[in-house]
Amino acid sequence: MAVYPGDVMVGDAEGVVVIPSGIANEVAAEAYEQTIYEDWVAERLGQGDGLFGLYPLTDDALRPRFQAWKAAQAARYPHRAAG
């Protein structure tokens, strides 16, 4: 893989990735939404819910609960895109 001016480099203790500049905003938005979802999962697990159907979210009965939680978190996640 080549790295070009404007590409975004993101790293942590596990490694580094290069995000091409042309898709960086899309990747950032998707990562932000994934973080919101994973925060909800962590909260649910902390409250005693099981992992099956929760992560990944394959239990359709849980989707409205996630959407309601997400809507109530607007102040916690101010950069969340509408929708």
Foldseek 3Di string as FASTA:
>chain_A
DDADPQWDWDDDPVGIDTHGNVCVVVVVLVVLVVVLLVVVVVVVVVVPDDPVCSVVVNPPVCVVVSVVVSVVCCVVRVVHDDD
